[in-house]
PDB file of N, CA and C in Angstrom:
ATOM      1  N   MET A   1      -6.764  75.857  23.774  1.00  0.00           N
ATOM      2  CA  MET A   1      -6.316  74.426  23.871  1.00  0.00           C
ATOM      3  C   MET A   1      -6.356  74.012  25.523  1.00  0.00           C
ATOM      4  N   THR A   2      -7.317  73.045  25.859  1.00  0.00           N
ATOM      5  CA  THR A   2      -7.629  73.087  27.050  1.00  0.00           C
ATOM      6  C   THR A   2      -7.387  71.351  27.436  1.00  0.00           C
ATOM      7  N   LEU A   3      -7.349  70.970  28.838  1.00  0.00           N
ATOM      8  CA  LEU A   3      -7.409  69.829  29.351  1.00  0.00           C
ATOM      9  C   LEU A   3      -8.506  69.566  30.676  1.00  0.00           C
ATOM     10  N   THR A   4      -9.525  68.837  30.536  1.00  0.00           N
ATOM     11  CA  THR A   4     -10.540  68.974  31.549  1.00  0.00           C
ATOM     12  C   THR A   4      -9.967  67.944  32.516  1.00  0.00           C
ATOM     13  N   ILE A   5      -9.565  68.313  33.808  1.00  0.00           N
ATOM     14  CA  ILE A   5      -9.447  67.643  35.001  1.00  0.00           C
ATOM     15  C   ILE A   5     -10.627  67.622  35.893  1.00  0.00           C
ATOM     16  N   PHE A   6     -10.627  66.913  36.817  1.00  0.00           N
ATOM     17  CA  PHE A   6     -11.907  66.963  37.929  1.00  0.00           C
ATOM     18  C   PHE A   6     -11.272  67.215  39.393  1.00  0.00           C
ATOM     19  N   ARG A   7     -12.524  67.733  40.231  1.00  0.00           N
ATOM     20  CA  ARG A   7     -11.938  68.004  41.448  1.00  0.00           C
ATOM     21  C   ARG A   7     -12.934  67.623  42.539  1.00  0.00           C
ATOM     22  N   CYS A   8     -12.887  66.986  43.224  1.00  0.00           N
ATOM     23  CA  CYS A   8     -13.767  66.605  44.388  1.00  0.00           C
ATOM     24  C   CYS A   8     -14.545  67.522  44.681  1.00  0.00           C
ATOM     25  N   GLY A   9     -15.921  67.448  44.593  1.00  0.00           N
ATOM     26  CA  GLY A   9     -16.747  68.247  45.374  1.00  0.00           C
ATOM     27  C   GLY A   9     -17.121  68.643  46.778  1.00  0.00           C
ATOM     28  N   GLU A  10     -16.257  67.633  47.475  1.00  0.00           N
ATOM     29  CA  GLU A  10     -16.651  67.577  49.064  1.00  0.00           C
ATOM     30  C   GLU A  10     -15.060  68.258  49.261  1.00  0.00           C
ATOM     31  N   CYS A  11     -13.900  67.597  48.794  1.00  0.00           N
ATOM     32  CA  CYS A  11     -12.745  68.075  49.723  1.00  0.00           C
ATOM     33  C   CYS A  11     -11.801  68.781  48.504  1.00  0.00           C
ATOM     34  N   GLY A  12     -12.065  68.844  47.409  1.00  0.00           N
ATOM     35  CA  GLY A  12     -11.237  69.583  46.432  1.00  0.00           C
ATOM     36  C   GLY A  12     -10.127  69.056  45.627  1.00  0.00           C
ATOM     37  N   ARG A  13      -9.906  67.697  46.087  1.00  0.00           N
ATOM     38  CA  ARG A  13      -8.609  66.806  45.601  1.00  0.00           C
ATOM     39  C   ARG A  13      -8.735  66.894  44.030  1.00  0.00           C
ATOM     40  N   GLY A  14      -7.727  67.004  43.290  1.00  0.00           N
ATOM     41  CA  GLY A  14      -7.885  67.041  42.046  1.00  0.00           C
ATOM     42  C   GLY A  14      -7.620  65.611  41.344  1.00  0.00           C
ATOM     43  N   ALA A  15      -8.004  65.475  39.983  1.00  0.00           N
ATOM     44  CA  ALA A  15      -7.659  64.082  39.627  1.00  0.00           C
ATOM     45  C   ALA A  15      -7.753  63.859  38.237  1.00  0.00           C
ATOM     46  N   PHE A  16      -7.189  62.890  37.395  1.00  0.00           N
ATOM     47  CA  PHE A  16      -7.263  62.649  36.007  1.00  0.00           C
ATOM     48  C   PHE A  16      -6.740  61.470  35.459  1.00  0.00           C
ATOM     49  N   PRO A  17      -7.567  60.588  35.055  1.00  0.00           N
ATOM     50  CA  PRO A  17      -8.757  60.731  34.408  1.00  0.00           C
ATOM     51  C   PRO A  17      -9.673  60.830  35.637  1.00  0.00           C
ATOM     52  N   GLU A  18     -11.378  61.025  35.463  1.00  0.00           N
ATOM     53  CA  GLU A  18     -12.300  61.021  36.411  1.00  0.00           C
ATOM     54  C   GLU A  18     -12.200  59.711  37.334  1.00  0.00           C
ATOM     55  N   PRO A  19     -12.065  59.646  38.329  1.00  0.00           N
ATOM     56  CA  PRO A  19     -12.092  58.522  39.330  1.00  0.00           C
ATOM     57  C   PRO A  19     -13.711  58.093  39.683  1.00  0.00           C
ATOM     58  N   LEU A  20     -13.770  57.005  40.179  1.00  0.00           N
ATOM     59  CA  LEU A  20     -15.367  56.769  40.625  1.00  0.00           C
ATOM     60  C   LEU A  20     -15.293  57.242  41.847  1.00  0.00           C
ATOM     61  N   LEU A  21     -14.186  57.246  42.828  1.00  0.00           N
ATOM     62  CA  LEU A  21     -14.479  57.798  44.065  1.00  0.00           C
ATOM     63  C   LEU A  21     -13.188  58.803  44.521  1.00  0.00           C
ATOM     64  N   CYS A  22     -13.603  59.671  45.184  1.00  0.00           N
ATOM     65  CA  CYS A  22     -12.146  60.553  45.767  1.00  0.00           C
ATOM     66  C   CYS A  22     -11.073  59.696  46.485  1.00  0.00           C
ATOM     67  N   SER A  23      -9.882  59.816  46.139  1.00  0.00           N
ATOM     68  CA  SER A  23      -9.062  58.952  46.928  1.00  0.00           C
ATOM     69  C   SER A  23      -8.630  59.436  48.378  1.00  0.00           C
ATOM     70  N   ARG A  24      -9.105  60.938  48.618  1.00  0.00           N
ATOM     71  CA  ARG A  24      -8.805  61.446  49.997  1.00  0.00           C
ATOM     72  C   ARG A  24     -10.290  61.253  51.005  1.00  0.00           C
ATOM     73  N   CYS A  25     -11.383  61.328  50.194  1.00  0.00           N
ATOM     74  CA  CYS A  25     -12.629  61.521  51.141  1.00  0.00           C
ATOM     75  C   CYS A  25     -13.445  60.286  50.867  1.00  0.00           C
ATOM     76  N   GLY A  26     -13.392  59.820  49.683  1.00  0.00           N
ATOM     77  CA  GLY A  26     -14.472  58.721  49.339  1.00  0.00           C
ATOM     78  C   GLY A  26     -15.509  59.259  48.555  1.00  0.00           C
ATOM     79  N   SER A  27     -15.883  60.541  48.404  1.00  0.00           N
ATOM     80  CA  SER A  27     -16.910  61.121  47.812  1.00  0.00           C
ATOM     81  C   SER A  27     -17.016  60.637  46.307  1.00  0.00           C
ATOM     82  N   ASP A  28     -18.469  60.556  45.986  1.00  0.00           N
ATOM     83  CA  ASP A  28     -18.437  60.021  44.321  1.00  0.00           C
ATOM     84  C   ASP A  28     -18.772  61.320  43.604  1.00  0.00           C
ATOM     85  N   GLY A  29     -18.840  62.841  43.949  1.00  0.00           N
ATOM     86  CA  GLY A  29     -19.253  64.019  43.346  1.00  0.00           C
ATOM     87  C   GLY A  29     -18.295  64.381  42.980  1.00  0.00           C
ATOM     88  N   PHE A  30     -17.861  64.939  41.589  1.00  0.00           N
ATOM     89  CA  PHE A  30     -16.757  65.841  40.971  1.00  0.00           C
ATOM     90  C   PHE A  30     -17.305  66.804  40.255  1.00  0.00           C
ATOM     91  N   VAL A  31     -16.560  67.914  40.366  1.00  0.00           N
ATOM     92  CA  VAL A  31     -16.923  69.056  39.150  1.00  0.00           C
ATOM     93  C   VAL A  31     -15.688  69.079  38.388  1.00  0.00           C
ATOM     94  N   THR A  32     -15.946  69.812  37.224  1.00  0.00           N
ATOM     95  CA  THR A  32     -14.909  69.739  35.918  1.00  0.00           C
ATOM     96  C   THR A  32     -14.239  71.111  36.320  1.00  0.00           C
ATOM     97  N   ALA A  33     -12.767  71.213  35.623  1.00  0.00           N
ATOM     98  CA  ALA A  33     -12.187  72.240  35.602  1.00  0.00           C
ATOM     99  C   ALA A  33     -11.145  72.102  34.255  1.00  0.00           C
ATOM    100  N   SER A  34     -10.787  73.439  33.790  1.00  0.00           N
ATOM    101  CA  SER A  34      -9.987  73.469  32.575  1.00  0.00           C
ATOM    102  C   SER A  34      -8.694  73.546  32.764  1.00  0.00           C
ATOM    103  N   VAL A  35      -7.672  73.176  32.345  1.00  0.00           N
ATOM    104  CA  VAL A  35      -6.472  73.769  32.484  1.00  0.00           C
ATOM    105  C   VAL A  35      -5.698  73.629  31.134  1.00  0.00           C
ATOM    106  N   ASP A  36      -4.737  74.863  30.879  1.00  0.00           N
ATOM    107  CA  ASP A  36      -4.495  74.874  29.449  1.00  0.00           C
ATOM    108  C   ASP A  36      -2.757  74.618  29.441  1.00  0.00           C
ATOM    109  N   ARG A  37      -2.118  74.395  30.874  1.00  0.00           N
ATOM    110  CA  ARG A  37      -0.944  74.516  30.649  1.00  0.00           C
ATOM    111  C   ARG A  37      -0.223  73.565  31.774  1.00  0.00           C
ATOM    112  N   GLY A  38       1.006  72.982  31.577  1.00  0.00           N
ATOM    113  CA  GLY A  38       1.512  72.038  32.865  1.00  0.00           C
ATOM    114  C   GLY A  38       3.229  72.304  32.688  1.00  0.00           C
ATOM    115  N   VAL A  39       3.700  71.850  33.864  1.00  0.00           N
ATOM    116  CA  VAL A  39       5.082  71.995  34.034  1.00  0.00           C
ATOM    117  C   VAL A  39       5.607  70.730  33.878  1.00  0.00           C
ATOM    118  N   VAL A  40       6.486  70.646  32.935  1.00  0.00           N
ATOM    119  CA  VAL A  40       7.258  69.184  32.885  1.00  0.00           C
ATOM    120  C   VAL A  40       8.095  68.841  33.844  1.00  0.00           C
ATOM    121  N   GLU A  41       7.679  67.468  34.400  1.00  0.00           N
ATOM    122  CA  GLU A  41       8.706  66.944  35.886  1.00  0.00           C
ATOM    123  C   GLU A  41       9.717  65.868  35.176  1.00  0.00           C
ATOM    124  N   HIS A  42       9.060  65.019  34.117  1.00  0.00           N
ATOM    125  CA  HIS A  42      10.102  63.892  33.714  1.00  0.00           C
ATOM    126  C   HIS A  42      10.023  63.722  32.305  1.00  0.00           C
ATOM    127  N   THR A  43      10.611  63.284  31.408  1.00  0.00           N
ATOM    128  CA  THR A  43      10.560  63.113  29.921  1.00  0.00           C
ATOM    129  C   THR A  43      11.369  61.494  29.659  1.00  0.00           C
ATOM    130  N   THR A  44      10.733  60.809  28.933  1.00  0.00           N
ATOM    131  CA  THR A  44      11.413  59.598  28.245  1.00  0.00           C
ATOM    132  C   THR A  44      11.076  59.577  26.743  1.00  0.00           C
ATOM    133  N   ARG A  45      11.971  59.086  26.171  1.00  0.00           N
ATOM    134  CA  ARG A  45      11.955  58.894  24.722  1.00  0.00           C
ATOM    135  C   ARG A  45      11.714  57.292  24.421  1.00  0.00           C
ATOM    136  N   VAL A  46      10.524  57.156  23.899  1.00  0.00           N
ATOM    137  CA  VAL A  46      10.108  55.658  23.103  1.00  0.00           C
ATOM    138  C   VAL A  46      10.464  55.496  21.908  1.00  0.00           C
ATOM    139  N   VAL A  47      11.608  54.718  21.549  1.00  0.00           N
ATOM    140  CA  VAL A  47      12.346  54.659  20.120  1.00  0.00           C
ATOM    141  C   VAL A  47      11.570  53.588  19.265  1.00  0.00           C
ATOM    142  N   ASN A  48      11.048  52.683  19.762  1.00  0.00           N
ATOM    143  CA  ASN A  48      10.336  51.892  18.671  1.00  0.00           C
ATOM    144  C   ASN A  48       8.801  51.410  19.255  1.00  0.00           C
ATOM    145  N   PRO A  49       7.927  51.252  18.490  1.00  0.00           N
ATOM    146  CA  PRO A  49       7.676  51.510  17.086  1.00  0.00           C
ATOM    147  C   PRO A  49       7.686  53.022  16.472  1.00  0.00           C
ATOM    148  N   HIS A  50       7.143  53.973  17.444  1.00  0.00           N
ATOM    149  CA  HIS A  50       6.565  55.076  16.982  1.00  0.00           C
ATOM    150  C   HIS A  50       7.627  56.493  17.515  1.00  0.00           C
ATOM    151  N   HIS A  51       8.524  56.315  17.770  1.00  0.00           N
ATOM    152  CA  HIS A  51       9.511  57.390  18.196  1.00  0.00           C
ATOM    153  C   HIS A  51       8.802  58.533  18.883  1.00  0.00           C
ATOM    154  N   ALA A  52       8.126  58.302  20.140  1.00  0.00           N
ATOM    155  CA  ALA A  52       7.520  59.547  20.647  1.00  0.00           C
ATOM    156  C   ALA A  52       8.272  59.801  21.874  1.00  0.00           C
ATOM    157  N   VAL A  53       8.003  61.210  22.301  1.00  0.00           N
ATOM    158  CA  VAL A  53       8.733  61.573  23.637  1.00  0.00           C
ATOM    159  C   VAL A  53       7.484  61.552  24.637  1.00  0.00           C
ATOM    160  N   LEU A  54       7.585  60.918  25.588  1.00  0.00           N
ATOM    161  CA  LEU A  54       6.550  61.104  26.746  1.00  0.00           C
ATOM    162  C   LEU A  54       7.115  61.906  28.014  1.00  0.00           C
ATOM    163  N   ALA A  55       5.889  62.806  28.654  1.00  0.00           N
ATOM    164  CA  ALA A  55       6.482  63.452  29.712  1.00  0.00           C
ATOM    165  C   ALA A  55       5.254  63.316  30.959  1.00  0.00           C
ATOM    166  N   THR A  56       5.815  63.409  32.115  1.00  0.00           N
ATOM    167  CA  THR A  56       4.906  63.483  33.205  1.00  0.00           C
ATOM    168  C   THR A  56       4.800  65.134  33.600  1.00  0.00           C
ATOM    169  N   LEU A  57       3.678  65.578  33.515  1.00  0.00           N
ATOM    170  CA  LEU A  57       3.349  67.053  33.706  1.00  0.00           C
ATOM    171  C   LEU A  57       2.467  67.207  34.969  1.00  0.00           C
ATOM    172  N   LEU A  58       2.832  68.314  35.675  1.00  0.00           N
ATOM    173  CA  LEU A  58       2.223  68.804  36.771  1.00  0.00           C
ATOM    174  C   LEU A  58       1.108  69.639  36.368  1.00  0.00           C
ATOM    175  N   VAL A  59      -0.204  69.285  36.263  1.00  0.00           N
ATOM    176  CA  VAL A  59      -1.170  70.447  35.392  1.00  0.00           C
ATOM    177  C   VAL A  59      -1.951  71.223  36.572  1.00  0.00           C
ATOM    178  N   ALA A  60      -1.933  70.789  37.730  1.00  0.00           N
ATOM    179  CA  ALA A  60      -2.740  71.440  38.939  1.00  0.00           C
ATOM    180  C   ALA A  60      -2.188  71.001  40.274  1.00  0.00           C
ATOM    181  N   PRO A  61      -2.313  71.495  41.390  1.00  0.00           N
ATOM    182  CA  PRO A  61      -1.858  70.814  42.625  1.00  0.00           C
ATOM    183  C   PRO A  61      -2.341  69.587  42.507  1.00  0.00           C
ATOM    184  N   GLU A  62      -1.495  68.576  42.841  1.00  0.00           N
ATOM    185  CA  GLU A  62      -1.790  67.004  43.074  1.00  0.00           C
ATOM    186  C   GLU A  62      -2.029  66.423  41.606  1.00  0.00           C
ATOM    187  N   VAL A  63      -2.231  66.894  40.660  1.00  0.00           N
ATOM    188  CA  VAL A  63      -2.542  66.236  39.272  1.00  0.00           C
ATOM    189  C   VAL A  63      -1.565  66.174  38.454  1.00  0.00           C
ATOM    190  N   ARG A  64      -1.335  64.944  38.294  1.00  0.00           N
ATOM    191  CA  ARG A  64      -0.211  64.808  37.017  1.00  0.00           C
ATOM    192  C   ARG A  64      -0.837  63.828  36.036  1.00  0.00           C
ATOM    193  N   VAL A  65      -0.349  64.159  34.760  1.00  0.00           N
ATOM    194  CA  VAL A  65      -0.832  63.423  33.630  1.00  0.00           C
ATOM    195  C   VAL A  65       0.333  63.104  32.933  1.00  0.00           C
ATOM    196  N   VAL A  66       0.124  61.947  32.011  1.00  0.00           N
ATOM    197  CA  VAL A  66       1.213  61.477  31.109  1.00  0.00           C
ATOM    198  C   VAL A  66       0.840  62.015  29.623  1.00  0.00           C
ATOM    199  N   ALA A  67       1.705  62.612  29.084  1.00  0.00           N
ATOM    200  CA  ALA A  67       1.510  63.407  27.942  1.00  0.00           C
ATOM    201  C   ALA A  67       2.587  63.250  26.708  1.00  0.00           C
ATOM    202  N   ALA A  68       1.909  63.120  25.549  1.00  0.00           N
ATOM    203  CA  ALA A  68       3.049  62.872  24.388  1.00  0.00           C
ATOM    204  C   ALA A  68       3.486  64.447  24.134  1.00  0.00           C
ATOM    205  N   LEU A  69       4.898  64.739  23.993  1.00  0.00           N
ATOM    206  CA  LEU A  69       5.488  66.051  23.748  1.00  0.00           C
ATOM    207  C   LEU A  69       5.427  66.050  22.081  1.00  0.00           C
ATOM    208  N   ARG A  70       4.681  67.070  21.600  1.00  0.00           N
ATOM    209  CA  ARG A  70       4.964  67.287  20.194  1.00  0.00           C
ATOM    210  C   ARG A  70       5.935  68.647  19.766  1.00  0.00           C
ATOM    211  N   ASN A  71       6.537  68.278  18.996  1.00  0.00           N
ATOM    212  CA  ASN A  71       7.150  69.621  18.059  1.00  0.00           C
ATOM    213  C   ASN A  71       8.139  70.153  18.292  1.00  0.00           C
ATOM    214  N   GLY A  72       9.122  69.458  19.421  1.00  0.00           N
ATOM    215  CA  GLY A  72      10.217  70.524  19.881  1.00  0.00           C
ATOM    216  C   GLY A  72      10.759  69.753  21.404  1.00  0.00           C
ATOM    217  N   ALA A  73      12.075  70.026  21.666  1.00  0.00           N
ATOM    218  CA  ALA A  73      12.456  69.595  22.867  1.00  0.00           C
ATOM    219  C   ALA A  73      12.145  70.247  24.157  1.00  0.00           C
ATOM    220  N   PHE A  74      11.787  69.643  25.208  1.00  0.00           N
ATOM    221  CA  PHE A  74      11.025  69.952  26.395  1.00  0.00           C
ATOM    222  C   PHE A  74      12.243  69.661  27.561  1.00  0.00           C
ATOM    223  N   ALA A  75      12.385  70.608  28.413  1.00  0.00           N
ATOM    224  CA  ALA A  75      13.219  70.205  29.512  1.00  0.00           C
ATOM    225  C   ALA A  75      12.168  70.273  30.774  1.00  0.00           C
ATOM    226  N   PRO A  76      12.684  69.552  31.808  1.00  0.00           N
ATOM    227  CA  PRO A  76      12.086  69.513  33.105  1.00  0.00           C
ATOM    228  C   PRO A  76      11.967  71.081  33.623  1.00  0.00           C
ATOM    229  N   GLY A  77      10.795  71.249  34.325  1.00  0.00           N
ATOM    230  CA  GLY A  77      10.752  72.812  34.855  1.00  0.00           C
ATOM    231  C   GLY A  77      10.018  73.694  33.807  1.00  0.00           C
ATOM    232  N   GLU A  78      10.208  73.108  32.694  1.00  0.00           N
ATOM    233  CA  GLU A  78       9.426  73.921  31.611  1.00  0.00           C
ATOM    234  C   GLU A  78       7.870  74.069  31.483  1.00  0.00           C
ATOM    235  N   THR A  79       7.315  75.129  31.307  1.00  0.00           N
ATOM    236  CA  THR A  79       5.896  75.057  31.312  1.00  0.00           C
ATOM    237  C   THR A  79       5.435  75.169  29.757  1.00  0.00           C
ATOM    238  N   VAL A  80       4.685  74.122  29.365  1.00  0.00           N
ATOM    239  CA  VAL A  80       4.067  73.789  28.195  1.00  0.00           C
ATOM    240  C   VAL A  80       2.711  73.866  27.934  1.00  0.00           C
ATOM    241  N   GLN A  81       2.022  74.308  26.887  1.00  0.00           N
ATOM    242  CA  GLN A  81       0.780  74.111  26.595  1.00  0.00           C
ATOM    243  C   GLN A  81       0.130  72.699  26.888  1.00  0.00           C
ATOM    244  N   VAL A  82      -0.838  72.407  27.308  1.00  0.00           N
ATOM    245  CA  VAL A  82      -1.520  70.993  27.110  1.00  0.00           C
ATOM    246  C   VAL A  82      -2.864  71.279  26.524  1.00  0.00           C
ATOM    247  N   THR A  83      -3.410  69.918  25.701  1.00  0.00           N
ATOM    248  CA  THR A  83      -4.456  69.828  25.044  1.00  0.00           C
ATOM    249  C   THR A  83      -4.676  68.344  24.605  1.00  0.00           C
ATOM    250  N   SER A  84      -6.365  68.289  24.744  1.00  0.00           N
ATOM    251  CA  SER A  84      -6.760  67.014  24.482  1.00  0.00           C
ATOM    252  C   SER A  84      -7.115  66.832  23.157  1.00  0.00           C
ATOM    253  N   ASP A  85      -6.912  67.853  22.243  1.00  0.00           N
ATOM    254  CA  ASP A  85      -7.096  67.518  20.985  1.00  0.00           C
ATOM    255  C   ASP A  85      -6.066  67.092  20.004  1.00  0.00           C
ATOM    256  N   PRO A  86      -6.090  65.879  19.338  1.00  0.00           N
ATOM    257  CA  PRO A  86      -5.022  65.157  18.683  1.00  0.00           C
ATOM    258  C   PRO A  86      -4.607  65.780  17.406  1.00  0.00           C
ATOM    259  N   ASP A  87      -5.468  67.007  16.949  1.00  0.00           N
ATOM    260  CA  ASP A  87      -5.172  67.596  15.520  1.00  0.00           C
ATOM    261  C   ASP A  87      -4.576  68.910  15.808  1.00  0.00           C
ATOM    262  N   VAL A  88      -4.178  69.250  17.014  1.00  0.00           N
ATOM    263  CA  VAL A  88      -3.614  70.835  16.978  1.00  0.00           C
ATOM    264  C   VAL A  88      -2.091  70.725  16.591  1.00  0.00           C
ATOM    265  N   ASP A  89      -1.931  71.797  15.886  1.00  0.00           N
ATOM    266  CA  ASP A  89      -0.427  71.944  15.425  1.00  0.00           C
ATOM    267  C   ASP A  89       0.283  72.821  16.661  1.00  0.00           C
ATOM    268  N   GLY A  90       1.567  72.628  16.620  1.00  0.00           N
ATOM    269  CA  GLY A  90       2.590  73.604  17.313  1.00  0.00           C
ATOM    270  C   GLY A  90       3.133  72.519  18.525  1.00  0.00           C
ATOM    271  N   ARG A  91       3.648  73.383  19.195  1.00  0.00           N
ATOM    272  CA  ARG A  91       4.637  72.788  20.491  1.00  0.00           C
ATOM    273  C   ARG A  91       3.785  72.599  21.662  1.00  0.00           C
ATOM    274  N   VAL A  92       3.260  71.505  21.718  1.00  0.00           N
ATOM    275  CA  VAL A  92       2.163  70.994  22.827  1.00  0.00           C
ATOM    276  C   VAL A  92       2.633  69.811  23.304  1.00  0.00           C
ATOM    277  N   ALA A  93       2.012  69.564  24.372  1.00  0.00           N
ATOM    278  CA  ALA A  93       1.683  68.213  25.173  1.00  0.00           C
ATOM    279  C   ALA A  93       0.440  67.624  25.056  1.00  0.00           C
ATOM    280  N   TYR A  94       0.488  66.525  24.477  1.00  0.00           N
ATOM    281  CA  TYR A  94      -1.097  66.050  23.883  1.00  0.00           C
ATOM    282  C   TYR A  94      -1.652  64.958  24.857  1.00  0.00           C
ATOM    283  N   VAL A  95      -2.821  65.099  25.624  1.00  0.00           N
ATOM    284  CA  VAL A  95      -2.954  64.052  26.531  1.00  0.00           C
ATOM    285  C   VAL A  95      -4.381  63.701  26.150  1.00  0.00           C
ATOM    286  N   PRO A  96      -4.663  62.272  25.730  1.00  0.00           N
ATOM    287  CA  PRO A  96      -6.204  61.930  25.197  1.00  0.00           C
ATOM    288  C   PRO A  96      -6.979  62.199  26.385  1.00  0.00           C
ATOM    289  N   ALA A  97      -8.143  62.473  26.016  1.00  0.00           N
ATOM    290  CA  ALA A  97      -9.386  62.745  26.861  1.00  0.00           C
ATOM    291  C   ALA A  97      -9.552  61.442  27.469  1.00  0.00           C
ATOM    292  N   SER A  98     -10.337  61.576  28.847  1.00  0.00           N
ATOM    293  CA  SER A  98     -10.409  60.476  29.965  1.00  0.00           C
ATOM    294  C   SER A  98     -11.359  59.704  29.238  1.00  0.00           C
ATOM    295  N   SER A  99     -12.293  60.062  28.372  1.00  0.00           N
ATOM    296  CA  SER A  99     -13.526  59.298  27.873  1.00  0.00           C
ATOM    297  C   SER A  99     -13.801  59.738  26.392  1.00  0.00           C
ATOM    298  N   GLY A 100     -14.684  58.955  25.889  1.00  0.00           N
ATOM    299  CA  GLY A 100     -15.168  59.651  24.383  1.00  0.00           C
ATOM    300  C   GLY A 100     -16.304  60.236  24.805  1.00  0.00           C
ATOM    301  N   SER A 101     -16.988  60.508  25.860  1.00  0.00           N
ATOM    302  CA  SER A 101     -18.217  61.375  25.689  1.00  0.00           C
ATOM    303  C   SER A 101     -17.702  62.778  25.990  1.00  0.00           C
ATOM    304  N   GLU A 102     -18.789  63.661  25.846  1.00  0.00           N
ATOM    305  CA  GLU A 102     -17.995  65.188  26.092  1.00  0.00           C
ATOM    306  C   GLU A 102     -18.425  65.421  27.724  1.00  0.00           C
ATOM    307  N   VAL A 103     -17.713  66.043  28.197  1.00  0.00           N
ATOM    308  CA  VAL A 103     -17.985  66.565  29.538  1.00  0.00           C
ATOM    309  C   VAL A 103     -18.598  67.915  29.931  1.00  0.00           C
ATOM    310  N   GLN A 104     -19.418  67.789  30.950  1.00  0.00           N
ATOM    311  CA  GLN A 104     -19.987  69.264  30.826  1.00  0.00           C
ATOM    312  C   GLN A 104     -19.565  69.949  31.902  1.00  0.00           C
ATOM    313  N   GLU A 105     -19.165  71.357  31.978  1.00  0.00           N
ATOM    314  CA  GLU A 105     -18.823  72.310  32.937  1.00  0.00           C
ATOM    315  C   GLU A 105     -19.755  72.357  34.396  1.00  0.00           C
ATOM    316  N   GLU A 106     -20.197  71.471  34.597  1.00  0.00           N
ATOM    317  CA  GLU A 106     -21.136  71.439  35.777  1.00  0.00           C
ATOM    318  C   GLU A 106     -20.715  69.861  36.905  1.00  0.00           C
ATOM    319  N   GLU A 107     -21.600  70.256  38.213  1.00  0.00           N
ATOM    320  CA  GLU A 107     -21.047  69.352  39.006  1.00  0.00           C
ATOM    321  C   GLU A 107     -21.718  68.040  38.683  1.00  0.00           C
ATOM    322  N   ARG A 108     -21.103  66.597  38.708  1.00  0.00           N
ATOM    323  CA  ARG A 108     -21.271  65.695  38.285  1.00  0.00           C
ATOM    324  C   ARG A 108     -22.005  65.069  39.338  1.00  0.00           C
ATOM    325  N   THR A 109     -23.210  64.519  39.528  1.00  0.00           N
ATOM    326  CA  THR A 109     -23.527  63.829  40.364  1.00  0.00           C
ATOM    327  C   THR A 109     -23.832  62.133  40.229  1.00  0.00           C
TER     328      THR A 109
END
C-alpha cells in the first residue's frame, strides 16, 4: 500500500498532488516518491450524507494530504498506513490518486 508524492527535481520540495510548478523555486521538473505511512495531525467527522472521518496527514517533510480514515479510531500523532487503492481492507488512510493515469517512477520533464 503506497501513495505517490512528487519532489521538485531542482530544490527537493515535496508536493501532493503534482503541481505545475514548484512553489519554492519555480521549476517544472518533478520526480516521484512512494510513501506508505503518515502521521495524523487533525481529524474531523462528516455526519451527512456519508458519515466519513477525514484527517490531515503529514506523509513527508512539508507534504500534507487529506485522507479518509477507514476501519477504526485514529488519534492525532498516530502513524497510519496510507494508500491510493480504494479497495484495500483494513485500518488505513485512503487518499485518491492525483490523476487517473499511471505515474512512472522516473524524472518527469
